[in-house]
Full PDB file with SEQRES, HELIX, SHEET, SSBOND, CRYST1, ORIGX, SCALE, CONECT and MASTER records, all heavy atoms in Angstrom:
SEQRES   1 A   40  VAL ALA ALA THR GLN LYS GLN ALA SER ALA LEU PRO PRO          
SEQRES   2 A   40  ILE LEU LYS ALA ARG ASP ARG ALA THR THR GLU ASN ALA          
SEQRES   3 A   40  ILE LEU ALA GLU ARG LEU ASP THR ILE ILE PRO MET ILE          
SEQRES   4 A   40  MET                                                          
HELIX    1 AA1 ALA A    3  GLN A    5  5                                   3    
HELIX    2 AA2 ALA A   17  ILE A   39  1                                  23    
CRYST1    1.000    1.000    1.000  90.00  90.00  90.00 P 1           1          
ORIGX1      1.000000  0.000000  0.000000        0.00000                         
ORIGX2      0.000000  1.000000  0.000000        0.00000                         
ORIGX3      0.000000  0.000000  1.000000        0.00000                         
SCALE1      1.000000  0.000000  0.000000        0.00000                         
SCALE2      0.000000  1.000000  0.000000        0.00000                         
SCALE3      0.000000  0.000000  1.000000        0.00000                         
ATOM      1  N   VAL A   1       0.785  -1.217  -0.071  1.00  0.00           N  
ATOM      2  CA  VAL A   1      -0.030  -0.042   0.049  1.00  0.00           C  
ATOM      3  C   VAL A   1       0.842   1.225  -0.085  1.00  0.00           C  
ATOM      4  O   VAL A   1       2.003   1.204   0.200  1.00  0.00           O  
ATOM      5  CB  VAL A   1      -1.008  -0.011   1.247  1.00  0.00           C  
ATOM      6  CG1 VAL A   1      -1.951  -1.128   1.182  1.00  0.00           C  
ATOM      7  CG2 VAL A   1      -0.073   0.017   2.476  1.00  0.00           C  
ATOM      8  N   ALA A   2       0.383   2.390  -0.375  1.00  0.00           N  
ATOM      9  CA  ALA A   2       0.987   3.569  -0.322  1.00  0.00           C  
ATOM     10  C   ALA A   2       0.628   4.567   0.793  1.00  0.00           C  
ATOM     11  O   ALA A   2       1.065   5.632   0.845  1.00  0.00           O  
ATOM     12  CB  ALA A   2       0.761   4.327  -1.642  1.00  0.00           C  
ATOM     13  N   ALA A   3      -0.366   3.972   1.689  1.00  0.00           N  
ATOM     14  CA  ALA A   3      -0.936   4.889   2.685  1.00  0.00           C  
ATOM     15  C   ALA A   3       0.165   5.516   3.679  1.00  0.00           C  
ATOM     16  O   ALA A   3      -0.088   6.647   4.143  1.00  0.00           O  
ATOM     17  CB  ALA A   3      -1.962   4.052   3.533  1.00  0.00           C  
ATOM     18  N   THR A   4       1.357   4.717   3.835  1.00  0.00           N  
ATOM     19  CA  THR A   4       2.220   5.130   4.832  1.00  0.00           C  
ATOM     20  C   THR A   4       2.847   6.634   4.408  1.00  0.00           C  
ATOM     21  O   THR A   4       3.231   7.445   5.220  1.00  0.00           O  
ATOM     22  CB  THR A   4       3.355   4.308   5.028  1.00  0.00           C  
ATOM     23  OG1 THR A   4       3.872   3.931   3.577  1.00  0.00           O  
ATOM     24  CG2 THR A   4       3.041   3.010   5.620  1.00  0.00           C  
ATOM     25  N   GLN A   5       2.793   6.846   3.132  1.00  0.00           N  
ATOM     26  CA  GLN A   5       3.337   8.096   2.634  1.00  0.00           C  
ATOM     27  C   GLN A   5       2.412   9.294   2.864  1.00  0.00           C  
ATOM     28  O   GLN A   5       2.968  10.404   2.930  1.00  0.00           O  
ATOM     29  CB  GLN A   5       3.548   8.017   1.143  1.00  0.00           C  
ATOM     30  CG  GLN A   5       4.424   6.872   0.573  1.00  0.00           C  
ATOM     31  CD  GLN A   5       4.387   6.695  -0.937  1.00  0.00           C  
ATOM     32  OE1 GLN A   5       4.420   7.638  -1.679  1.00  0.00           O  
ATOM     33  NE2 GLN A   5       4.294   5.401  -1.331  1.00  0.00           N  
ATOM     34  N   LYS A   6       1.263   9.070   3.067  1.00  0.00           N  
ATOM     35  CA  LYS A   6       0.186  10.030   3.240  1.00  0.00           C  
ATOM     36  C   LYS A   6      -0.078  10.351   4.848  1.00  0.00           C  
ATOM     37  O   LYS A   6      -0.825  11.057   5.100  1.00  0.00           O  
ATOM     38  CB  LYS A   6      -1.096   9.675   2.477  1.00  0.00           C  
ATOM     39  CG  LYS A   6      -0.729   9.598   1.037  1.00  0.00           C  
ATOM     40  CD  LYS A   6      -2.013   8.924   0.357  1.00  0.00           C  
ATOM     41  CE  LYS A   6      -1.659   8.625  -1.132  1.00  0.00           C  
ATOM     42  NZ  LYS A   6      -2.783   8.147  -1.866  1.00  0.00           N  
ATOM     43  N   GLN A   7       0.609   9.553   5.571  1.00  0.00           N  
ATOM     44  CA  GLN A   7       0.421   9.694   7.103  1.00  0.00           C  
ATOM     45  C   GLN A   7       1.611   9.986   7.803  1.00  0.00           C  
ATOM     46  O   GLN A   7       1.985   9.436   8.736  1.00  0.00           O  
ATOM     47  CB  GLN A   7      -0.282   8.405   7.688  1.00  0.00           C  
ATOM     48  CG  GLN A   7      -1.529   8.129   6.877  1.00  0.00           C  
ATOM     49  CD  GLN A   7      -2.107   6.824   7.313  1.00  0.00           C  
ATOM     50  OE1 GLN A   7      -1.481   6.017   7.999  1.00  0.00           O  
ATOM     51  NE2 GLN A   7      -3.264   6.425   6.804  1.00  0.00           N  
ATOM     52  N   ALA A   8       2.454  10.906   7.234  1.00  0.00           N  
ATOM     53  CA  ALA A   8       3.734  11.149   7.838  1.00  0.00           C  
ATOM     54  C   ALA A   8       3.668  11.612   9.250  1.00  0.00           C  
ATOM     55  O   ALA A   8       4.705  11.376  10.035  1.00  0.00           O  
ATOM     56  CB  ALA A   8       4.536  12.361   7.002  1.00  0.00           C  
ATOM     57  N   SER A   9       2.701  12.366   9.649  1.00  0.00           N  
ATOM     58  CA  SER A   9       2.692  12.796  11.090  1.00  0.00           C  
ATOM     59  C   SER A   9       2.235  11.775  12.085  1.00  0.00           C  
ATOM     60  O   SER A   9       2.382  11.944  13.252  1.00  0.00           O  
ATOM     61  CB  SER A   9       1.820  13.923  11.168  1.00  0.00           C  
ATOM     62  OG  SER A   9       0.400  13.660  10.872  1.00  0.00           O  
ATOM     63  N   ALA A  10       1.615  10.558  11.619  1.00  0.00           N  
ATOM     64  CA  ALA A  10       1.196   9.626  12.593  1.00  0.00           C  
ATOM     65  C   ALA A  10       2.232   8.602  12.795  1.00  0.00           C  
ATOM     66  O   ALA A  10       2.151   7.404  12.571  1.00  0.00           O  
ATOM     67  CB  ALA A  10      -0.086   8.949  11.866  1.00  0.00           C  
ATOM     68  N   LEU A  11       3.234   8.971  13.613  1.00  0.00           N  
ATOM     69  CA  LEU A  11       4.321   8.101  14.046  1.00  0.00           C  
ATOM     70  C   LEU A  11       3.836   7.362  15.246  1.00  0.00           C  
ATOM     71  O   LEU A  11       3.216   7.784  16.198  1.00  0.00           O  
ATOM     72  CB  LEU A  11       5.593   8.870  14.353  1.00  0.00           C  
ATOM     73  CG  LEU A  11       6.269   9.592  13.361  1.00  0.00           C  
ATOM     74  CD1 LEU A  11       7.510  10.292  13.925  1.00  0.00           C  
ATOM     75  CD2 LEU A  11       6.569   8.755  12.069  1.00  0.00           C  
ATOM     76  N   PRO A  12       3.976   6.054  15.314  1.00  0.00           N  
ATOM     77  CA  PRO A  12       3.663   5.200  16.458  1.00  0.00           C  
ATOM     78  C   PRO A  12       4.417   5.759  17.677  1.00  0.00           C  
ATOM     79  O   PRO A  12       5.545   6.268  17.591  1.00  0.00           O  
ATOM     80  CB  PRO A  12       4.142   3.882  16.213  1.00  0.00           C  
ATOM     81  CG  PRO A  12       4.327   3.785  14.738  1.00  0.00           C  
ATOM     82  CD  PRO A  12       4.663   5.237  14.378  1.00  0.00           C  
ATOM     83  N   PRO A  13       3.754   5.753  18.904  1.00  0.00           N  
ATOM     84  CA  PRO A  13       4.572   6.022  20.180  1.00  0.00           C  
ATOM     85  C   PRO A  13       5.880   5.277  20.267  1.00  0.00           C  
ATOM     86  O   PRO A  13       5.884   4.178  19.940  1.00  0.00           O  
ATOM     87  CB  PRO A  13       3.640   5.816  21.170  1.00  0.00           C  
ATOM     88  CG  PRO A  13       2.267   5.815  20.482  1.00  0.00           C  
ATOM     89  CD  PRO A  13       2.503   5.243  19.193  1.00  0.00           C  
ATOM     90  N   ILE A  14       6.849   5.973  20.858  1.00  0.00           N  
ATOM     91  CA  ILE A  14       8.262   5.340  21.022  1.00  0.00           C  
ATOM     92  C   ILE A  14       8.408   5.001  22.529  1.00  0.00           C  
ATOM     93  O   ILE A  14       8.128   5.890  23.399  1.00  0.00           O  
ATOM     94  CB  ILE A  14       9.273   6.186  20.376  1.00  0.00           C  
ATOM     95  CG1 ILE A  14       9.004   6.415  19.085  1.00  0.00           C  
ATOM     96  CG2 ILE A  14      10.644   5.574  20.804  1.00  0.00           C  
ATOM     97  CD1 ILE A  14      10.049   7.453  18.390  1.00  0.00           C  
ATOM     98  N   LEU A  15       8.811   3.774  22.807  1.00  0.00           N  
ATOM     99  CA  LEU A  15       8.873   3.344  24.130  1.00  0.00           C  
ATOM    100  C   LEU A  15      10.103   4.141  24.981  1.00  0.00           C  
ATOM    101  O   LEU A  15      11.006   4.482  24.339  1.00  0.00           O  
ATOM    102  CB  LEU A  15       9.241   1.891  24.329  1.00  0.00           C  
ATOM    103  CG  LEU A  15       8.148   0.958  23.791  1.00  0.00           C  
ATOM    104  CD1 LEU A  15       8.628  -0.516  23.932  1.00  0.00           C  
ATOM    105  CD2 LEU A  15       6.881   1.052  24.778  1.00  0.00           C  
ATOM    106  N   LYS A  16       9.804   4.324  26.265  1.00  0.00           N  
ATOM    107  CA  LYS A  16      10.847   4.760  27.042  1.00  0.00           C  
ATOM    108  C   LYS A  16      11.952   3.772  27.235  1.00  0.00           C  
ATOM    109  O   LYS A  16      11.668   2.596  27.092  1.00  0.00           O  
ATOM    110  CB  LYS A  16      10.277   5.337  28.508  1.00  0.00           C  
ATOM    111  CG  LYS A  16       9.455   6.409  28.296  1.00  0.00           C  
ATOM    112  CD  LYS A  16       8.865   6.948  29.577  1.00  0.00           C  
ATOM    113  CE  LYS A  16       7.925   8.166  29.446  1.00  0.00           C  
ATOM    114  NZ  LYS A  16       7.462   8.828  30.708  1.00  0.00           N  
ATOM    115  N   ALA A  17      13.107   4.074  28.006  1.00  0.00           N  
ATOM    116  CA  ALA A  17      14.230   3.197  28.142  1.00  0.00           C  
ATOM    117  C   ALA A  17      13.937   1.922  28.837  1.00  0.00           C  
ATOM    118  O   ALA A  17      14.232   0.826  28.420  1.00  0.00           O  
ATOM    119  CB  ALA A  17      15.355   3.897  28.653  1.00  0.00           C  
ATOM    120  N   ARG A  18      13.152   2.079  29.918  1.00  0.00           N  
ATOM    121  CA  ARG A  18      12.824   0.792  30.779  1.00  0.00           C  
ATOM    122  C   ARG A  18      11.982  -0.048  29.920  1.00  0.00           C  
ATOM    123  O   ARG A  18      12.071  -1.350  30.077  1.00  0.00           O  
ATOM    124  CB  ARG A  18      12.268   1.249  32.082  1.00  0.00           C  
ATOM    125  CG  ARG A  18      12.089   0.120  33.029  1.00  0.00           C  
ATOM    126  CD  ARG A  18      11.681   0.573  34.370  1.00  0.00           C  
ATOM    127  NE  ARG A  18      11.678  -0.560  35.416  1.00  0.00           N  
ATOM    128  CZ  ARG A  18      11.442  -0.506  36.650  1.00  0.00           C  
ATOM    129  NH1 ARG A  18      11.347   0.735  37.227  1.00  0.00           N  
ATOM    130  NH2 ARG A  18      11.488  -1.511  37.385  1.00  0.00           N  
ATOM    131  N   ASP A  19      10.957   0.506  29.360  1.00  0.00           N  
ATOM    132  CA  ASP A  19      10.050  -0.240  28.554  1.00  0.00           C  
ATOM    133  C   ASP A  19      10.844  -0.985  27.274  1.00  0.00           C  
ATOM    134  O   ASP A  19      10.488  -2.177  27.068  1.00  0.00           O  
ATOM    135  CB  ASP A  19       8.905   0.439  28.105  1.00  0.00           C  
ATOM    136  CG  ASP A  19       7.994   0.940  29.274  1.00  0.00           C  
ATOM    137  OD1 ASP A  19       7.898   0.225  30.126  1.00  0.00           O  
ATOM    138  OD2 ASP A  19       7.437   2.005  29.134  1.00  0.00           O  
ATOM    139  N   ARG A  20      11.697  -0.370  26.832  1.00  0.00           N  
ATOM    140  CA  ARG A  20      12.553  -0.895  25.741  1.00  0.00           C  
ATOM    141  C   ARG A  20      13.314  -2.188  26.237  1.00  0.00           C  
ATOM    142  O   ARG A  20      13.357  -3.179  25.682  1.00  0.00           O  
ATOM    143  CB  ARG A  20      13.414   0.071  25.055  1.00  0.00           C  
ATOM    144  CG  ARG A  20      12.790   1.232  24.426  1.00  0.00           C  
ATOM    145  CD  ARG A  20      13.887   2.031  23.521  1.00  0.00           C  
ATOM    146  NE  ARG A  20      13.362   3.338  23.238  1.00  0.00           N  
ATOM    147  CZ  ARG A  20      14.007   4.120  22.421  1.00  0.00           C  
ATOM    148  NH1 ARG A  20      15.239   3.794  21.904  1.00  0.00           N  
ATOM    149  NH2 ARG A  20      13.628   5.386  22.172  1.00  0.00           N  
ATOM    150  N   ALA A  21      13.909  -1.879  27.496  1.00  0.00           N  
ATOM    151  CA  ALA A  21      14.731  -3.004  27.924  1.00  0.00           C  
ATOM    152  C   ALA A  21      13.888  -4.199  28.260  1.00  0.00           C  
ATOM    153  O   ALA A  21      14.248  -5.339  28.033  1.00  0.00           O  
ATOM    154  CB  ALA A  21      15.304  -2.392  29.258  1.00  0.00           C  
ATOM    155  N   THR A  22      12.621  -3.983  28.865  1.00  0.00           N  
ATOM    156  CA  THR A  22      11.774  -5.013  29.265  1.00  0.00           C  
ATOM    157  C   THR A  22      11.359  -5.826  27.963  1.00  0.00           C  
ATOM    158  O   THR A  22      11.466  -7.185  27.948  1.00  0.00           O  
ATOM    159  CB  THR A  22      10.425  -4.499  29.944  1.00  0.00           C  
ATOM    160  OG1 THR A  22      10.814  -3.863  31.132  1.00  0.00           O  
ATOM    161  CG2 THR A  22       9.492  -5.688  30.100  1.00  0.00           C  
ATOM    162  N   THR A  23      11.058  -5.199  26.871  1.00  0.00           N  
ATOM    163  CA  THR A  23      10.730  -5.820  25.707  1.00  0.00           C  
ATOM    164  C   THR A  23      11.912  -6.535  25.016  1.00  0.00           C  
ATOM    165  O   THR A  23      11.824  -7.760  24.576  1.00  0.00           O  
ATOM    166  CB  THR A  23      10.210  -4.742  24.607  1.00  0.00           C  
ATOM    167  OG1 THR A  23       9.177  -4.114  25.248  1.00  0.00           O  
ATOM    168  CG2 THR A  23       9.824  -5.455  23.357  1.00  0.00           C  
ATOM    169  N   GLU A  24      12.984  -5.883  25.052  1.00  0.00           N  
ATOM    170  CA  GLU A  24      14.166  -6.522  24.404  1.00  0.00           C  
ATOM    171  C   GLU A  24      14.573  -7.827  25.286  1.00  0.00           C  
ATOM    172  O   GLU A  24      15.009  -8.832  24.640  1.00  0.00           O  
ATOM    173  CB  GLU A  24      15.480  -5.660  24.481  1.00  0.00           C  
ATOM    174  CG  GLU A  24      15.245  -4.451  23.448  1.00  0.00           C  
ATOM    175  CD  GLU A  24      16.298  -3.431  23.590  1.00  0.00           C  
ATOM    176  OE1 GLU A  24      17.208  -3.615  24.409  1.00  0.00           O  
ATOM    177  OE2 GLU A  24      16.240  -2.371  22.894  1.00  0.00           O  
ATOM    178  N   ASN A  25      14.541  -7.782  26.667  1.00  0.00           N  
ATOM    179  CA  ASN A  25      14.877  -8.925  27.410  1.00  0.00           C  
ATOM    180  C   ASN A  25      13.893 -10.068  27.108  1.00  0.00           C  
ATOM    181  O   ASN A  25      14.279 -11.205  27.079  1.00  0.00           O  
ATOM    182  CB  ASN A  25      15.010  -8.603  28.834  1.00  0.00           C  
ATOM    183  CG  ASN A  25      16.240  -7.636  29.065  1.00  0.00           C  
ATOM    184  OD1 ASN A  25      17.077  -7.583  28.398  1.00  0.00           O  
ATOM    185  ND2 ASN A  25      16.151  -7.015  30.264  1.00  0.00           N  
ATOM    186  N   ALA A  26      12.681  -9.714  27.040  1.00  0.00           N  
ATOM    187  CA  ALA A  26      11.570 -10.811  26.819  1.00  0.00           C  
ATOM    188  C   ALA A  26      11.785 -11.551  25.555  1.00  0.00           C  
ATOM    189  O   ALA A  26      11.750 -12.708  25.314  1.00  0.00           O  
ATOM    190  CB  ALA A  26      10.226 -10.162  26.907  1.00  0.00           C  
ATOM    191  N   ILE A  27      12.256 -10.694  24.625  1.00  0.00           N  
ATOM    192  CA  ILE A  27      12.334 -11.249  23.205  1.00  0.00           C  
ATOM    193  C   ILE A  27      13.638 -12.127  23.231  1.00  0.00           C  
ATOM    194  O   ILE A  27      13.787 -13.205  22.641  1.00  0.00           O  
ATOM    195  CB  ILE A  27      12.485 -10.203  22.125  1.00  0.00           C  
ATOM    196  CG1 ILE A  27      11.042  -9.493  21.854  1.00  0.00           C  
ATOM    197  CG2 ILE A  27      12.987 -10.731  20.827  1.00  0.00           C  
ATOM    198  CD1 ILE A  27      11.061  -8.386  20.945  1.00  0.00           C  
ATOM    199  N   LEU A  28      14.764 -11.617  23.922  1.00  0.00           N  
ATOM    200  CA  LEU A  28      15.934 -12.376  23.979  1.00  0.00           C  
ATOM    201  C   LEU A  28      15.760 -13.675  24.608  1.00  0.00           C  
ATOM    202  O   LEU A  28      16.197 -14.739  24.201  1.00  0.00           O  
ATOM    203  CB  LEU A  28      17.036 -11.657  24.696  1.00  0.00           C  
ATOM    204  CG  LEU A  28      18.370 -12.261  24.926  1.00  0.00           C  
ATOM    205  CD1 LEU A  28      18.902 -12.821  23.597  1.00  0.00           C  
ATOM    206  CD2 LEU A  28      19.348 -11.322  25.680  1.00  0.00           C  
ATOM    207  N   ALA A  29      14.941 -13.750  25.865  1.00  0.00           N  
ATOM    208  CA  ALA A  29      14.630 -14.941  26.479  1.00  0.00           C  
ATOM    209  C   ALA A  29      13.863 -15.921  25.507  1.00  0.00           C  
ATOM    210  O   ALA A  29      14.260 -17.104  25.558  1.00  0.00           O  
ATOM    211  CB  ALA A  29      13.772 -14.656  27.617  1.00  0.00           C  
ATOM    212  N   GLU A  30      12.970 -15.346  24.823  1.00  0.00           N  
ATOM    213  CA  GLU A  30      12.295 -16.299  23.842  1.00  0.00           C  
ATOM    214  C   GLU A  30      13.186 -16.901  22.717  1.00  0.00           C  
ATOM    215  O   GLU A  30      13.135 -18.003  22.401  1.00  0.00           O  
ATOM    216  CB  GLU A  30      11.118 -15.435  23.067  1.00  0.00           C  
ATOM    217  CG  GLU A  30      10.404 -16.274  22.004  1.00  0.00           C  
ATOM    218  CD  GLU A  30       9.471 -15.518  21.278  1.00  0.00           C  
ATOM    219  OE1 GLU A  30       9.921 -14.345  20.637  1.00  0.00           O  
ATOM    220  OE2 GLU A  30       8.256 -15.870  21.024  1.00  0.00           O  
ATOM    221  N   ARG A  31      14.119 -16.093  22.173  1.00  0.00           N  
ATOM    222  CA  ARG A  31      15.018 -16.501  21.169  1.00  0.00           C  
ATOM    223  C   ARG A  31      15.991 -17.685  21.849  1.00  0.00           C  
ATOM    224  O   ARG A  31      16.171 -18.627  21.079  1.00  0.00           O  
ATOM    225  CB  ARG A  31      15.941 -15.269  20.753  1.00  0.00           C  
ATOM    226  CG  ARG A  31      15.221 -14.381  19.781  1.00  0.00           C  
ATOM    227  CD  ARG A  31      16.078 -13.310  19.333  1.00  0.00           C  
ATOM    228  NE  ARG A  31      17.182 -13.710  18.686  1.00  0.00           N  
ATOM    229  CZ  ARG A  31      17.097 -14.159  17.339  1.00  0.00           C  
ATOM    230  NH1 ARG A  31      16.021 -14.080  16.636  1.00  0.00           N  
ATOM    231  NH2 ARG A  31      18.210 -14.540  16.726  1.00  0.00           N  
ATOM    232  N   LEU A  32      16.441 -17.383  23.008  1.00  0.00           N  
ATOM    233  CA  LEU A  32      17.299 -18.385  23.606  1.00  0.00           C  
ATOM    234  C   LEU A  32      16.486 -19.723  23.932  1.00  0.00           C  
ATOM    235  O   LEU A  32      17.074 -20.797  23.705  1.00  0.00           O  
ATOM    236  CB  LEU A  32      17.956 -17.857  24.817  1.00  0.00           C  
ATOM    237  CG  LEU A  32      18.975 -16.661  24.798  1.00  0.00           C  
ATOM    238  CD1 LEU A  32      19.300 -16.184  26.091  1.00  0.00           C  
ATOM    239  CD2 LEU A  32      20.252 -17.262  24.086  1.00  0.00           C  
ATOM    240  N   ASP A  33      15.365 -19.573  24.439  1.00  0.00           N  
ATOM    241  CA  ASP A  33      14.545 -20.768  24.648  1.00  0.00           C  
ATOM    242  C   ASP A  33      14.189 -21.617  23.471  1.00  0.00           C  
ATOM    243  O   ASP A  33      14.018 -22.780  23.544  1.00  0.00           O  
ATOM    244  CB  ASP A  33      13.235 -20.330  25.451  1.00  0.00           C  
ATOM    245  CG  ASP A  33      13.546 -19.968  26.823  1.00  0.00           C  
ATOM    246  OD1 ASP A  33      14.571 -20.181  27.363  1.00  0.00           O  
ATOM    247  OD2 ASP A  33      12.588 -19.325  27.481  1.00  0.00           O  
ATOM    248  N   THR A  34      13.859 -20.898  22.279  1.00  0.00           N  
ATOM    249  CA  THR A  34      13.376 -21.559  21.144  1.00  0.00           C  
ATOM    250  C   THR A  34      14.406 -21.833  20.007  1.00  0.00           C  
ATOM    251  O   THR A  34      14.426 -22.949  19.505  1.00  0.00           O  
ATOM    252  CB  THR A  34      12.214 -20.850  20.638  1.00  0.00           C  
ATOM    253  OG1 THR A  34      12.483 -19.505  20.193  1.00  0.00           O  
ATOM    254  CG2 THR A  34      11.069 -20.768  21.584  1.00  0.00           C  
ATOM    255  N   ILE A  35      15.145 -20.858  19.716  1.00  0.00           N  
ATOM    256  CA  ILE A  35      16.055 -21.016  18.550  1.00  0.00           C  
ATOM    257  C   ILE A  35      17.277 -21.791  18.870  1.00  0.00           C  
ATOM    258  O   ILE A  35      17.713 -22.690  18.020  1.00  0.00           O  
ATOM    259  CB  ILE A  35      16.478 -19.548  18.033  1.00  0.00           C  
ATOM    260  CG1 ILE A  35      15.328 -18.786  17.623  1.00  0.00           C  
ATOM    261  CG2 ILE A  35      17.482 -19.833  16.880  1.00  0.00           C  
ATOM    262  CD1 ILE A  35      15.662 -17.375  17.131  1.00  0.00           C  
ATOM    263  N   ILE A  36      17.820 -21.667  20.038  1.00  0.00           N  
ATOM    264  CA  ILE A  36      19.108 -22.412  20.284  1.00  0.00           C  
ATOM    265  C   ILE A  36      18.838 -23.986  20.262  1.00  0.00           C  
ATOM    266  O   ILE A  36      19.595 -24.675  19.704  1.00  0.00           O  
ATOM    267  CB  ILE A  36      19.680 -22.028  21.643  1.00  0.00           C  
ATOM    268  CG1 ILE A  36      20.133 -20.543  21.605  1.00  0.00           C  
ATOM    269  CG2 ILE A  36      20.771 -23.012  22.123  1.00  0.00           C  
ATOM    270  CD1 ILE A  36      21.271 -20.435  20.697  1.00  0.00           C  
ATOM    271  N   PRO A  37      17.806 -24.526  20.997  1.00  0.00           N  
ATOM    272  CA  PRO A  37      17.514 -25.967  20.780  1.00  0.00           C  
ATOM    273  C   PRO A  37      17.287 -26.358  19.359  1.00  0.00           C  
ATOM    274  O   PRO A  37      17.858 -27.415  18.887  1.00  0.00           O  
ATOM    275  CB  PRO A  37      16.356 -26.129  21.691  1.00  0.00           C  
ATOM    276  CG  PRO A  37      16.343 -25.172  22.629  1.00  0.00           C  
ATOM    277  CD  PRO A  37      16.847 -23.906  21.870  1.00  0.00           C  
ATOM    278  N   MET A  38      16.740 -25.625  18.548  1.00  0.00           N  
ATOM    279  CA  MET A  38      16.273 -25.990  17.156  1.00  0.00           C  
ATOM    280  C   MET A  38      17.577 -26.041  16.436  1.00  0.00           C  
ATOM    281  O   MET A  38      17.752 -27.101  15.672  1.00  0.00           O  
ATOM    282  CB  MET A  38      15.431 -24.979  16.687  1.00  0.00           C  
ATOM    283  CG  MET A  38      14.987 -25.122  15.103  1.00  0.00           C  
ATOM    284  SD  MET A  38      13.977 -23.823  14.510  1.00  0.00           S  
ATOM    285  CE  MET A  38      15.147 -22.530  14.404  1.00  0.00           C  
ATOM    286  N   ILE A  39      18.491 -25.030  16.417  1.00  0.00           N  
ATOM    287  CA  ILE A  39      19.516 -25.006  15.480  1.00  0.00           C  
ATOM    288  C   ILE A  39      20.600 -26.002  15.881  1.00  0.00           C  
ATOM    289  O   ILE A  39      21.337 -26.433  15.099  1.00  0.00           O  
ATOM    290  CB  ILE A  39      20.105 -23.587  15.340  1.00  0.00           C  
ATOM    291  CG1 ILE A  39      20.659 -22.928  16.530  1.00  0.00           C  
ATOM    292  CG2 ILE A  39      19.029 -22.650  14.746  1.00  0.00           C  
ATOM    293  CD1 ILE A  39      21.260 -21.507  16.478  1.00  0.00           C  
ATOM    294  N   MET A  40      20.924 -26.088  17.201  1.00  0.00           N  
ATOM    295  CA  MET A  40      21.944 -27.103  17.644  1.00  0.00           C  
ATOM    296  C   MET A  40      21.575 -28.490  17.272  1.00  0.00           C  
ATOM    297  O   MET A  40      22.497 -29.218  16.765  1.00  0.00           O  
ATOM    298  CB  MET A  40      22.153 -26.986  19.157  1.00  0.00           C  
ATOM    299  CG  MET A  40      22.826 -25.726  19.590  1.00  0.00           C  
ATOM    300  SD  MET A  40      23.314 -25.572  21.463  1.00  0.00           S  
ATOM    301  CE  MET A  40      24.456 -26.926  21.474  1.00  0.00           C  
TER     302      MET A  40                                                      
MASTER        0    0    0    2    0    0    0    6  301    1    0    4          
END                                                                             
C-alpha cells in the first residue's frame, strides 16, 4: 500500500528506556529458549 506516505505525522509512540529494556529482554529470552535448541 502507499498509505504510509500520506500519514507522515502519525508516528507510533516510542517506548521509554525501561520499557524498551523489558521488551528486548523478553524477546531475547524467547530466542534463547526456542532458537538455540532448534539450531543445535
